[in-house]
Amino acid sequence: MIKAYRSNDKRVMTDIYFLDGIERFSLAEPTKIGTLLTEFNTNGEVLRQEYHRGRDIVKELSNFVEDEVRIEETGKDYEKTKVNAVCDVCGGEIERELDRYRPEDIENVGVVPIYVCTRCGRKYYSMNNDFLRRLVNERKDLFEPDELKLFEKDEEAFLSTLQANIIRIFASKRIFRLKTK
């Protein structure tokens, strides 16, 4: 069983749990059109993110973490996801962009997790290899057949090439790769 806490804005965050030797925690957010489920490592990087149409947070979160979840009401405001990084321009704190919104105002969630400096507003993205590996396996529709063959043949080479392409794409949009400590 995993213990979780519901804040005043109805977000539910779990305690840290272990899966595949990695410490993780998850967040369930009741959005405008369903439930956004996000799994983070302890640095605050997104490992997995899924949108579900269901609104039963206990059920959705339990299925997501593949364990029973027991939720306690906190009576407190939501404490933003802690990100173990600082802005490489001004040294400001980094926060998850979606933490700037009330859950009921969240409607469209992009594939790429975006983070923002709280001081200067510089944007960052986070797509580590764990996130990309899961994305390729679960969203094959986003990739060409020849790309999927390369992924199956040499996963590490494919992920390295994909990371290089992502860096170029986001650099042109002035969104930089998040570097955690």
C-alpha atoms as a PDB file:
ATOM      1  CA  MET A   1       0.000   0.000   0.000  1.00  0.00           C
ATOM      2  CA  ILE A   2       1.190   3.492  -0.870  1.00  0.00           C
ATOM      3  CA  LYS A   3       0.214   6.468   1.258  1.00  0.00           C
ATOM      4  CA  ALA A   4      -0.865   9.664  -0.509  1.00  0.00           C
ATOM      5  CA  TYR A   5      -2.033  13.111   0.518  1.00  0.00           C
ATOM      6  CA  ARG A   6      -4.775  15.300  -0.965  1.00  0.00           C
ATOM      7  CA  SER A   7      -4.260  19.055  -0.884  1.00  0.00           C
ATOM      8  CA  ASN A   8      -6.967  21.723  -0.818  1.00  0.00           C
ATOM      9  CA  ASP A   9      -6.948  21.983  -4.626  1.00  0.00           C
ATOM     10  CA  LYS A  10      -7.635  18.205  -4.885  1.00  0.00           C
ATOM     11  CA  ARG A  11      -4.151  17.235  -6.137  1.00  0.00           C
ATOM     12  CA  VAL A  12      -2.978  13.931  -4.681  1.00  0.00           C
ATOM     13  CA  MET A  13       0.726  13.189  -4.161  1.00  0.00           C
ATOM     14  CA  THR A  14       2.086   9.850  -3.019  1.00  0.00           C
ATOM     15  CA  ASP A  15       4.892   9.118  -0.628  1.00  0.00           C
ATOM     16  CA  ILE A  16       8.108   7.886  -2.227  1.00  0.00           C
ATOM     17  CA  TYR A  17       8.018   4.276  -3.408  1.00  0.00           C
ATOM     18  CA  PHE A  18      10.532   2.014  -5.159  1.00  0.00           C
ATOM     19  CA  LEU A  19      10.090   0.476  -8.596  1.00  0.00           C
ATOM     20  CA  ASP A  20      12.869  -1.070 -10.673  1.00  0.00           C
ATOM     21  CA  GLY A  21      15.391   0.122  -8.086  1.00  0.00           C
ATOM     22  CA  ILE A  22      14.418   3.794  -8.525  1.00  0.00           C
ATOM     23  CA  GLU A  23      12.825   5.997  -5.870  1.00  0.00           C
ATOM     24  CA  ARG A  24       9.671   7.579  -7.290  1.00  0.00           C
ATOM     25  CA  PHE A  25       6.562   9.469  -6.321  1.00  0.00           C
ATOM     26  CA  SER A  26       3.392  10.164  -8.248  1.00  0.00           C
ATOM     27  CA  LEU A  27       0.958  13.028  -8.577  1.00  0.00           C
ATOM     28  CA  ALA A  28      -2.700  12.818  -9.633  1.00  0.00           C
ATOM     29  CA  GLU A  29      -4.409  16.023 -10.753  1.00  0.00           C
ATOM     30  CA  PRO A  30      -8.152  16.290 -11.428  1.00  0.00           C
ATOM     31  CA  THR A  31      -8.076  18.434 -14.567  1.00  0.00           C
ATOM     32  CA  LYS A  32     -10.764  19.968 -16.728  1.00  0.00           C
ATOM     33  CA  ILE A  33     -11.209  16.766 -18.774  1.00  0.00           C
ATOM     34  CA  GLY A  34      -9.933  13.903 -16.629  1.00  0.00           C
ATOM     35  CA  THR A  35      -7.046  12.915 -14.405  1.00  0.00           C
ATOM     36  CA  LEU A  36      -3.427  13.713 -15.188  1.00  0.00           C
ATOM     37  CA  LEU A  37      -1.099  11.126 -13.641  1.00  0.00           C
ATOM     38  CA  THR A  38       2.611  11.899 -13.431  1.00  0.00           C
ATOM     39  CA  GLU A  39       5.432   9.837 -11.984  1.00  0.00           C
ATOM     40  CA  PHE A  40       8.633  11.618 -10.923  1.00  0.00           C
ATOM     41  CA  ASN A  41      12.065  10.580  -9.736  1.00  0.00           C
ATOM     42  CA  THR A  42      13.304  12.217  -6.542  1.00  0.00           C
ATOM     43  CA  ASN A  43      15.020  14.974  -8.585  1.00  0.00           C
ATOM     44  CA  GLY A  44      11.586  16.094  -9.803  1.00  0.00           C
ATOM     45  CA  GLU A  45      12.088  14.825 -13.364  1.00  0.00           C
ATOM     46  CA  VAL A  46       9.075  13.255 -15.062  1.00  0.00           C
ATOM     47  CA  LEU A  47       9.489   9.532 -15.666  1.00  0.00           C
ATOM     48  CA  ARG A  48       5.990   8.890 -16.956  1.00  0.00           C
ATOM     49  CA  GLN A  49       2.912  10.982 -17.653  1.00  0.00           C
ATOM     50  CA  GLU A  50      -0.539   9.766 -18.679  1.00  0.00           C
ATOM     51  CA  TYR A  51      -3.892  11.433 -19.164  1.00  0.00           C
ATOM     52  CA  HIS A  52      -6.937   9.385 -18.159  1.00  0.00           C
ATOM     53  CA  ARG A  53     -10.563  10.325 -18.785  1.00  0.00           C
ATOM     54  CA  GLY A  54     -11.640   8.805 -15.462  1.00  0.00           C
ATOM     55  CA  ARG A  55     -12.259  11.070 -12.491  1.00  0.00           C
ATOM     56  CA  ASP A  56     -11.959   8.541  -9.653  1.00  0.00           C
ATOM     57  CA  ILE A  57      -8.526   9.644  -8.384  1.00  0.00           C
ATOM     58  CA  VAL A  58      -8.046   6.714  -5.984  1.00  0.00           C
ATOM     59  CA  LYS A  59      -8.789   4.169  -8.714  1.00  0.00           C
ATOM     60  CA  GLU A  60      -6.756   5.974 -11.394  1.00  0.00           C
ATOM     61  CA  LEU A  61      -3.758   6.477  -9.115  1.00  0.00           C
ATOM     62  CA  SER A  62      -3.869   2.898  -7.783  1.00  0.00           C
ATOM     63  CA  ASN A  63      -3.874   1.539 -11.352  1.00  0.00           C
ATOM     64  CA  PHE A  64      -1.063   3.927 -12.330  1.00  0.00           C
ATOM     65  CA  VAL A  65       1.281   2.919  -9.483  1.00  0.00           C
ATOM     66  CA  GLU A  66       0.078  -0.712  -9.608  1.00  0.00           C
ATOM     67  CA  ASP A  67      -0.572  -0.760  -5.870  1.00  0.00           C
ATOM     68  CA  GLU A  68      -3.343   0.163  -3.467  1.00  0.00           C
ATOM     69  CA  VAL A  69      -3.297   3.864  -2.599  1.00  0.00           C
ATOM     70  CA  ARG A  70      -4.613   5.218   0.698  1.00  0.00           C
ATOM     71  CA  ILE A  71      -5.333   8.944   0.588  1.00  0.00           C
ATOM     72  CA  GLU A  72      -5.299  11.248   3.591  1.00  0.00           C
ATOM     73  CA  GLU A  73      -6.822  14.717   3.490  1.00  0.00           C
ATOM     74  CA  THR A  74      -4.219  17.314   4.500  1.00  0.00           C
ATOM     75  CA  GLY A  75      -6.285  20.479   4.754  1.00  0.00           C
ATOM     76  CA  LYS A  76      -3.193  22.214   3.336  1.00  0.00           C
ATOM     77  CA  ASP A  77      -2.352  23.969   0.114  1.00  0.00           C
ATOM     78  CA  TYR A  78      -0.553  21.990  -2.586  1.00  0.00           C
ATOM     79  CA  GLU A  79       3.226  21.935  -2.171  1.00  0.00           C
ATOM     80  CA  LYS A  80       4.743  22.185  -5.628  1.00  0.00           C
ATOM     81  CA  THR A  81       6.880  19.374  -6.955  1.00  0.00           C
ATOM     82  CA  LYS A  82      10.438  19.851  -5.728  1.00  0.00           C
ATOM     83  CA  VAL A  83      12.873  20.088  -8.662  1.00  0.00           C
ATOM     84  CA  ASN A  84      16.534  19.542  -7.837  1.00  0.00           C
ATOM     85  CA  ALA A  85      17.853  22.108 -10.342  1.00  0.00           C
ATOM     86  CA  VAL A  86      18.610  25.806 -10.615  1.00  0.00           C
ATOM     87  CA  CYS A  87      18.413  28.136 -13.570  1.00  0.00           C
ATOM     88  CA  ASP A  88      21.717  28.225 -15.432  1.00  0.00           C
ATOM     89  CA  VAL A  89      21.177  31.927 -16.220  1.00  0.00           C
ATOM     90  CA  CYS A  90      20.093  33.534 -12.933  1.00  0.00           C
ATOM     91  CA  GLY A  91      20.393  30.755 -10.347  1.00  0.00           C
ATOM     92  CA  GLY A  92      16.648  30.854  -9.617  1.00  0.00           C
ATOM     93  CA  GLU A  93      14.540  27.888  -8.563  1.00  0.00           C
ATOM     94  CA  ILE A  94      12.967  25.707 -11.231  1.00  0.00           C
ATOM     95  CA  GLU A  95       9.354  24.566 -11.043  1.00  0.00           C
ATOM     96  CA  ARG A  96       7.107  22.374 -13.148  1.00  0.00           C
ATOM     97  CA  GLU A  97       5.089  24.593 -15.474  1.00  0.00           C
ATOM     98  CA  LEU A  98       1.818  22.786 -14.642  1.00  0.00           C
ATOM     99  CA  ASP A  99       2.310  23.649 -10.958  1.00  0.00           C
ATOM    100  CA  ARG A 100       1.545  27.257 -11.930  1.00  0.00           C
ATOM    101  CA  TYR A 101      -2.065  26.355 -12.758  1.00  0.00           C
ATOM    102  CA  ARG A 102      -5.043  25.223 -10.759  1.00  0.00           C
ATOM    103  CA  PRO A 103      -5.783  21.597 -11.715  1.00  0.00           C
ATOM    104  CA  GLU A 104      -9.271  22.419 -13.006  1.00  0.00           C
ATOM    105  CA  ASP A 105      -7.708  24.896 -15.471  1.00  0.00           C
ATOM    106  CA  ILE A 106      -5.395  22.263 -16.990  1.00  0.00           C
ATOM    107  CA  GLU A 107      -6.836  21.035 -20.265  1.00  0.00           C
ATOM    108  CA  ASN A 108      -4.119  20.341 -22.810  1.00  0.00           C
ATOM    109  CA  VAL A 109      -0.951  18.633 -21.662  1.00  0.00           C
ATOM    110  CA  GLY A 110       1.915  18.299 -24.113  1.00  0.00           C
ATOM    111  CA  VAL A 111       4.016  15.179 -24.486  1.00  0.00           C
ATOM    112  CA  VAL A 112       7.103  17.056 -23.286  1.00  0.00           C
ATOM    113  CA  PRO A 113       7.258  18.057 -19.605  1.00  0.00           C
ATOM    114  CA  ILE A 114       8.120  21.767 -19.318  1.00  0.00           C
ATOM    115  CA  TYR A 115       9.747  23.510 -16.351  1.00  0.00           C
ATOM    116  CA  VAL A 116      10.178  27.246 -15.689  1.00  0.00           C
ATOM    117  CA  CYS A 117      12.600  29.381 -13.678  1.00  0.00           C
ATOM    118  CA  THR A 118      10.634  31.152 -10.952  1.00  0.00           C
ATOM    119  CA  ARG A 119      12.890  34.227 -11.177  1.00  0.00           C
ATOM    120  CA  CYS A 120      13.606  34.939 -14.856  1.00  0.00           C
ATOM    121  CA  GLY A 121      11.045  32.728 -16.625  1.00  0.00           C
ATOM    122  CA  ARG A 122      13.557  30.719 -18.682  1.00  0.00           C
ATOM    123  CA  LYS A 123      11.953  27.494 -19.909  1.00  0.00           C
ATOM    124  CA  TYR A 124      13.378  23.993 -19.673  1.00  0.00           C
ATOM    125  CA  TYR A 125      12.242  20.589 -20.883  1.00  0.00           C
ATOM    126  CA  SER A 126      12.913  17.223 -19.314  1.00  0.00           C
ATOM    127  CA  MET A 127      13.039  14.046 -21.343  1.00  0.00           C
ATOM    128  CA  ASN A 128      15.518  11.655 -19.768  1.00  0.00           C
ATOM    129  CA  ASN A 129      16.160   8.230 -21.298  1.00  0.00           C
ATOM    130  CA  ASP A 130      13.669   6.517 -18.955  1.00  0.00           C
ATOM    131  CA  PHE A 131      10.953   8.898 -20.136  1.00  0.00           C
ATOM    132  CA  LEU A 132      11.917   8.492 -23.814  1.00  0.00           C
ATOM    133  CA  ARG A 133      12.118   4.697 -23.602  1.00  0.00           C
ATOM    134  CA  ARG A 134       8.599   4.548 -22.197  1.00  0.00           C
ATOM    135  CA  LEU A 135       7.363   7.092 -24.757  1.00  0.00           C
ATOM    136  CA  VAL A 136       8.701   5.036 -27.680  1.00  0.00           C
ATOM    137  CA  ASN A 137       7.234   1.812 -26.283  1.00  0.00           C
ATOM    138  CA  GLU A 138       3.815   3.291 -25.505  1.00  0.00           C
ATOM    139  CA  ARG A 139       3.387   5.805 -28.363  1.00  0.00           C
ATOM    140  CA  LYS A 140       4.684   3.984 -31.429  1.00  0.00           C
ATOM    141  CA  ASP A 141       2.345   6.155 -33.526  1.00  0.00           C
ATOM    142  CA  LEU A 142       4.748   9.080 -32.983  1.00  0.00           C
ATOM    143  CA  PHE A 143       7.607   7.286 -34.785  1.00  0.00           C
ATOM    144  CA  GLU A 144       8.319   6.073 -38.304  1.00  0.00           C
ATOM    145  CA  PRO A 145       8.691   2.312 -38.919  1.00  0.00           C
ATOM    146  CA  ASP A 146      12.423   2.668 -39.703  1.00  0.00           C
ATOM    147  CA  GLU A 147      12.930   4.548 -36.416  1.00  0.00           C
ATOM    148  CA  LEU A 148      11.199   1.771 -34.490  1.00  0.00           C
ATOM    149  CA  LYS A 149      13.432  -0.822 -36.170  1.00  0.00           C
ATOM    150  CA  LEU A 150      16.532   1.120 -35.083  1.00  0.00           C
ATOM    151  CA  PHE A 151      15.114   1.346 -31.550  1.00  0.00           C
ATOM    152  CA  GLU A 152      14.639  -2.442 -31.464  1.00  0.00           C
ATOM    153  CA  LYS A 153      18.107  -3.068 -32.915  1.00  0.00           C
ATOM    154  CA  ASP A 154      20.147  -0.652 -30.752  1.00  0.00           C
ATOM    155  CA  GLU A 155      18.082   1.101 -28.101  1.00  0.00           C
ATOM    156  CA  GLU A 156      20.937   3.172 -26.641  1.00  0.00           C
ATOM    157  CA  ALA A 157      22.080   4.485 -30.044  1.00  0.00           C
ATOM    158  CA  PHE A 158      18.501   5.373 -30.942  1.00  0.00           C
ATOM    159  CA  LEU A 159      17.950   7.206 -27.642  1.00  0.00           C
ATOM    160  CA  SER A 160      21.222   9.098 -28.068  1.00  0.00           C
ATOM    161  CA  THR A 161      20.207  10.233 -31.569  1.00  0.00           C
ATOM    162  CA  LEU A 162      16.736  11.133 -30.328  1.00  0.00           C
ATOM    163  CA  GLN A 163      18.206  13.224 -27.481  1.00  0.00           C
ATOM    164  CA  ALA A 164      20.435  15.093 -29.965  1.00  0.00           C
ATOM    165  CA  ASN A 165      17.440  15.831 -32.213  1.00  0.00           C
ATOM    166  CA  ILE A 166      15.350  16.991 -29.260  1.00  0.00           C
ATOM    167  CA  ILE A 167      18.125  19.342 -28.103  1.00  0.00           C
ATOM    168  CA  ARG A 168      18.244  20.967 -31.568  1.00  0.00           C
ATOM    169  CA  ILE A 169      14.466  21.322 -31.815  1.00  0.00           C
ATOM    170  CA  PHE A 170      14.047  22.894 -28.380  1.00  0.00           C
ATOM    171  CA  ALA A 171      17.140  25.081 -28.659  1.00  0.00           C
ATOM    172  CA  SER A 172      15.544  26.743 -31.693  1.00  0.00           C
ATOM    173  CA  LYS A 173      12.513  27.515 -29.468  1.00  0.00           C
ATOM    174  CA  ARG A 174      14.788  28.760 -26.668  1.00  0.00           C
ATOM    175  CA  ILE A 175      13.737  25.945 -24.361  1.00  0.00           C
ATOM    176  CA  PHE A 176      16.716  24.242 -22.760  1.00  0.00           C
ATOM    177  CA  ARG A 177      17.335  20.804 -21.329  1.00  0.00           C
ATOM    178  CA  LEU A 178      16.790  20.571 -17.556  1.00  0.00           C
ATOM    179  CA  LYS A 179      19.943  19.559 -15.725  1.00  0.00           C
ATOM    180  CA  THR A 180      19.277  18.249 -12.240  1.00  0.00           C
ATOM    181  CA  LYS A 181      21.932  18.123  -9.540  1.00  0.00           C
END
